[in-house]
Amino acid sequence: MPRFPCAGAWTREAVWSIVADYRASAAIDVAHDLADRNAGRSLCMPLMQQDWGGVLGYDAASLWGAWVPDLTHMTVNTGHFMAEENPAAVVAAMREWMER
């Protein structure tokens, strides 16, 4: 068995799907989110933000607060891939949310 069974996900051929995902988040995802918001739908999940979000001026709590009636916001000391870079903090936050 290969050491990294998912290594194929990082091949040159897979780059198009990664780029398409980011493109969707800046285009069609925004349109779908606005349609949901205009229809009065809200989110019911907790929100977790990387610690560098605030440094970049991204205030997740205030931006998402209008969509989440019971907002639980936590800043985690990590980079972009939170579950890989700081799994202990992510698990601790998830346990706290599940105990609510």
C-alpha atoms as a PDB file:
ATOM      1  CA  MET A   1       0.000   0.000   0.000  1.00  0.00           C
ATOM      2  CA  PRO A   2       1.382   3.456  -0.834  1.00  0.00           C
ATOM      3  CA  ARG A   3       2.458   5.622   2.075  1.00  0.00           C
ATOM      4  CA  PHE A   4       0.060   8.349   0.982  1.00  0.00           C
ATOM      5  CA  PRO A   5      -3.015   6.650  -0.508  1.00  0.00           C
ATOM      6  CA  CYS A   6      -4.576  10.017  -1.429  1.00  0.00           C
ATOM      7  CA  ALA A   7      -1.421  11.347  -3.065  1.00  0.00           C
ATOM      8  CA  GLY A   8      -3.220  11.345  -6.427  1.00  0.00           C
ATOM      9  CA  ALA A   9      -5.364  14.215  -5.172  1.00  0.00           C
ATOM     10  CA  TRP A  10      -2.362  16.505  -5.483  1.00  0.00           C
ATOM     11  CA  THR A  11      -1.511  15.691  -9.085  1.00  0.00           C
ATOM     12  CA  ARG A  12      -1.464  18.252 -11.849  1.00  0.00           C
ATOM     13  CA  GLU A  13      -4.699  16.752 -13.211  1.00  0.00           C
ATOM     14  CA  ALA A  14      -6.523  17.536  -9.943  1.00  0.00           C
ATOM     15  CA  VAL A  15      -5.653  21.238  -9.942  1.00  0.00           C
ATOM     16  CA  TRP A  16      -8.679  22.127 -12.087  1.00  0.00           C
ATOM     17  CA  SER A  17     -11.082  20.899  -9.398  1.00  0.00           C
ATOM     18  CA  ILE A  18      -9.322  22.884  -6.671  1.00  0.00           C
ATOM     19  CA  VAL A  19      -9.476  26.031  -8.799  1.00  0.00           C
ATOM     20  CA  ALA A  20     -13.144  25.374  -9.656  1.00  0.00           C
ATOM     21  CA  ASP A  21     -13.983  25.120  -5.956  1.00  0.00           C
ATOM     22  CA  TYR A  22     -12.385  28.505  -5.220  1.00  0.00           C
ATOM     23  CA  ARG A  23     -14.061  30.019  -8.292  1.00  0.00           C
ATOM     24  CA  ALA A  24     -17.464  28.765  -7.096  1.00  0.00           C
ATOM     25  CA  SER A  25     -16.957  30.346  -3.688  1.00  0.00           C
ATOM     26  CA  ALA A  26     -16.524  33.742  -5.360  1.00  0.00           C
ATOM     27  CA  ALA A  27     -19.403  33.384  -7.806  1.00  0.00           C
ATOM     28  CA  ILE A  28     -22.245  30.845  -7.712  1.00  0.00           C
ATOM     29  CA  ASP A  29     -21.864  30.166  -3.982  1.00  0.00           C
ATOM     30  CA  VAL A  30     -22.445  33.866  -3.295  1.00  0.00           C
ATOM     31  CA  ALA A  31     -25.579  33.838  -5.444  1.00  0.00           C
ATOM     32  CA  HIS A  32     -26.911  30.751  -3.652  1.00  0.00           C
ATOM     33  CA  ASP A  33     -26.126  32.256  -0.238  1.00  0.00           C
ATOM     34  CA  LEU A  34     -27.923  35.492  -1.118  1.00  0.00           C
ATOM     35  CA  ALA A  35     -30.957  33.572  -2.376  1.00  0.00           C
ATOM     36  CA  ASP A  36     -31.100  31.620   0.895  1.00  0.00           C
ATOM     37  CA  ARG A  37     -30.717  34.782   2.939  1.00  0.00           C
ATOM     38  CA  ASN A  38     -33.406  36.605   0.942  1.00  0.00           C
ATOM     39  CA  ALA A  39     -35.724  33.621   1.488  1.00  0.00           C
ATOM     40  CA  GLY A  40     -35.270  34.011   5.248  1.00  0.00           C
ATOM     41  CA  ARG A  41     -33.216  30.861   5.721  1.00  0.00           C
ATOM     42  CA  SER A  42     -30.588  30.806   8.455  1.00  0.00           C
ATOM     43  CA  LEU A  43     -27.638  28.640   9.391  1.00  0.00           C
ATOM     44  CA  CYS A  44     -27.775  26.315  12.370  1.00  0.00           C
ATOM     45  CA  MET A  45     -24.155  25.254  12.714  1.00  0.00           C
ATOM     46  CA  PRO A  46     -21.323  26.693  14.813  1.00  0.00           C
ATOM     47  CA  LEU A  47     -18.703  28.897  13.216  1.00  0.00           C
ATOM     48  CA  MET A  48     -14.967  28.391  13.554  1.00  0.00           C
ATOM     49  CA  GLN A  49     -12.426  30.909  12.278  1.00  0.00           C
ATOM     50  CA  GLN A  50      -8.660  30.756  11.902  1.00  0.00           C
ATOM     51  CA  ASP A  51      -6.819  33.186  14.147  1.00  0.00           C
ATOM     52  CA  TRP A  52      -5.403  35.108  11.177  1.00  0.00           C
ATOM     53  CA  GLY A  53      -8.881  36.073   9.966  1.00  0.00           C
ATOM     54  CA  GLY A  54      -9.054  39.004  12.369  1.00  0.00           C
ATOM     55  CA  VAL A  55      -5.573  40.135  11.398  1.00  0.00           C
ATOM     56  CA  LEU A  56      -6.760  40.357   7.795  1.00  0.00           C
ATOM     57  CA  GLY A  57      -9.812  42.371   8.838  1.00  0.00           C
ATOM     58  CA  TYR A  58     -12.271  39.485   8.513  1.00  0.00           C
ATOM     59  CA  ASP A  59     -14.708  39.656  11.402  1.00  0.00           C
ATOM     60  CA  ALA A  60     -16.525  36.359  10.976  1.00  0.00           C
ATOM     61  CA  ALA A  61     -18.736  36.808  14.035  1.00  0.00           C
ATOM     62  CA  SER A  62     -20.289  40.038  12.776  1.00  0.00           C
ATOM     63  CA  LEU A  63     -20.572  38.879   9.161  1.00  0.00           C
ATOM     64  CA  TRP A  64     -22.217  35.550   9.986  1.00  0.00           C
ATOM     65  CA  GLY A  65     -24.180  36.767  12.993  1.00  0.00           C
ATOM     66  CA  ALA A  66     -27.040  37.954  10.777  1.00  0.00           C
ATOM     67  CA  TRP A  67     -27.406  34.433   9.353  1.00  0.00           C
ATOM     68  CA  VAL A  68     -26.941  32.382  12.492  1.00  0.00           C
ATOM     69  CA  PRO A  69     -29.603  32.830  15.189  1.00  0.00           C
ATOM     70  CA  ASP A  70     -27.526  31.085  17.891  1.00  0.00           C
ATOM     71  CA  LEU A  71     -24.001  31.970  16.834  1.00  0.00           C
ATOM     72  CA  THR A  72     -21.171  30.153  18.550  1.00  0.00           C
ATOM     73  CA  HIS A  73     -17.930  31.658  17.285  1.00  0.00           C
ATOM     74  CA  MET A  74     -14.476  30.428  18.171  1.00  0.00           C
ATOM     75  CA  THR A  75     -11.083  31.541  16.922  1.00  0.00           C
ATOM     76  CA  VAL A  76      -8.623  28.684  16.498  1.00  0.00           C
ATOM     77  CA  ASN A  77      -4.845  29.090  16.373  1.00  0.00           C
ATOM     78  CA  THR A  78      -4.210  27.528  12.990  1.00  0.00           C
ATOM     79  CA  GLY A  79      -3.843  28.132   9.295  1.00  0.00           C
ATOM     80  CA  HIS A  80      -6.161  27.368   6.390  1.00  0.00           C
ATOM     81  CA  PHE A  81      -6.540  23.603   7.002  1.00  0.00           C
ATOM     82  CA  MET A  82      -7.673  23.745  10.619  1.00  0.00           C
ATOM     83  CA  ALA A  83      -8.330  20.031  11.182  1.00  0.00           C
ATOM     84  CA  GLU A  84      -4.877  19.118   9.855  1.00  0.00           C
ATOM     85  CA  GLU A  85      -2.878  21.901  11.448  1.00  0.00           C
ATOM     86  CA  ASN A  86      -4.437  21.940  14.910  1.00  0.00           C
ATOM     87  CA  PRO A  87      -6.658  18.881  15.297  1.00  0.00           C
ATOM     88  CA  ALA A  88      -6.699  19.100  19.098  1.00  0.00           C
ATOM     89  CA  ALA A  89      -8.253  22.583  19.015  1.00  0.00           C
ATOM     90  CA  VAL A  90     -10.803  21.564  16.403  1.00  0.00           C
ATOM     91  CA  VAL A  91     -11.816  18.455  18.372  1.00  0.00           C
ATOM     92  CA  ALA A  92     -12.062  20.476  21.597  1.00  0.00           C
ATOM     93  CA  ALA A  93     -14.332  23.032  19.903  1.00  0.00           C
ATOM     94  CA  MET A  94     -16.515  20.323  18.384  1.00  0.00           C
ATOM     95  CA  ARG A  95     -16.874  18.575  21.747  1.00  0.00           C
ATOM     96  CA  GLU A  96     -17.842  21.856  23.392  1.00  0.00           C
ATOM     97  CA  TRP A  97     -20.502  22.496  20.731  1.00  0.00           C
ATOM     98  CA  MET A  98     -21.908  18.955  20.977  1.00  0.00           C
ATOM     99  CA  GLU A  99     -22.259  19.263  24.751  1.00  0.00           C
ATOM    100  CA  ARG A 100     -24.457  22.364  24.425  1.00  0.00           C
END
